[in-house]
């Protein structure tokens, strides 16, 4: 389908050209030219007073299929026999969604010799654990994991599948969605349920974090989404879980593979990983130079925490990308977040605003970071941080 243009009505005013967000329209003399790439957003139609443009009518939505029988699934991400924290976070959120839909929660556990993790998943809120153990699942290979989860979804038909927006989740969950011919919303920060239509309302930042978009999958099952780690609070463990572990054999694992696992190179880490830190000391453009990162490291070490950064500090080469927090980095929710020389751009706030206590240090009293801070210190960070360090040392003798 393409945009409908009535040339006899056009007065070549140029309003539509300015309104087009994709630069598809242009005027050549008195003639409107419609280039490739129009997605029929209708922005030009709304501003055309002479009605020279129109969007073609589309067919109505197909009837929604019958509700699948198997409730809400969470991918139980694990590495070398240890569950990723995002798994426990998503199980808590899945329980909340499942209560609205009146369905069960299942965790999908893929790996080799990982059955011991099933109990932890049941305690974290799963009613069922689908356990697929095989030597080919011992190490993460996108093709193998995608084939395994696709086969399970086709067999048991979940209504919703949630996974972490981690390296692993981002790598193969889109392949699963494509194989199941359904939609996928990435990097979600909130979920809700439309109980009447049984729709999963998937909210994520858009347009550089300037708006929050809520996306639905109204025509297909399962409804799929990945969620940012650190956004959702883990559910309290069950006192006495009564769920079941269902072992499954997968035919997909017997098929030839086009890729194979070679090896993993372990990154050397001197400090606590960001997603496991209870205290994070983060720096932004206000650090001015790379040498001042040592101030953050000293304060973080005293508090038993980790060092984080804004994109500006990372782009400047002061702090490694692995420590970047925000829309294009990691999402964290520590007990204490100390923002040093950070103005508070929306792109950074979406990555840390769930922290329990936020302390902001900035010399600009109008900085946006103070709007979400629990404690605000207006002043020069090169004076305040050394003073904090000295007070902590003095307090500890």
Foldseek 3Di string as FASTA:
>chain_A
DDKQFQFVQQQQPCPLCVQDPVNQWDDDDSDIDGHPDDPQPCSSCVPDPSNRIDRDDDDDADDADDAAAAEEEEEQDDAPLHTDQVRLLVLVVSQVQCVLQVHFYEYEYFAAPNVVCVVVNLQSHHQEYEYEHDHQRHDDDQVLVLQVVLQVCVVRPYQEYEYALDPRCVRHVVVNCVVQVFDEEEAFLDWDAPSVQRWIFTWDADDLLPDIDTDTTRHDDRYYYHHAPARGDRDRTDPDGDHYYHYDYDPSVVDDDPDGDDDDDDDDDDADQQQPFQEEEEEECLCVDLVSVVLRVLVQVLVRGYYAYDVRCCVVVSDPQQRYFFQPHHAHAHQEYEYEQDLCDSRRCRRYLNHNAYEYEEQDPPRPVVVSHPHYHHDRSVVVSVVVSVVSVVVVD
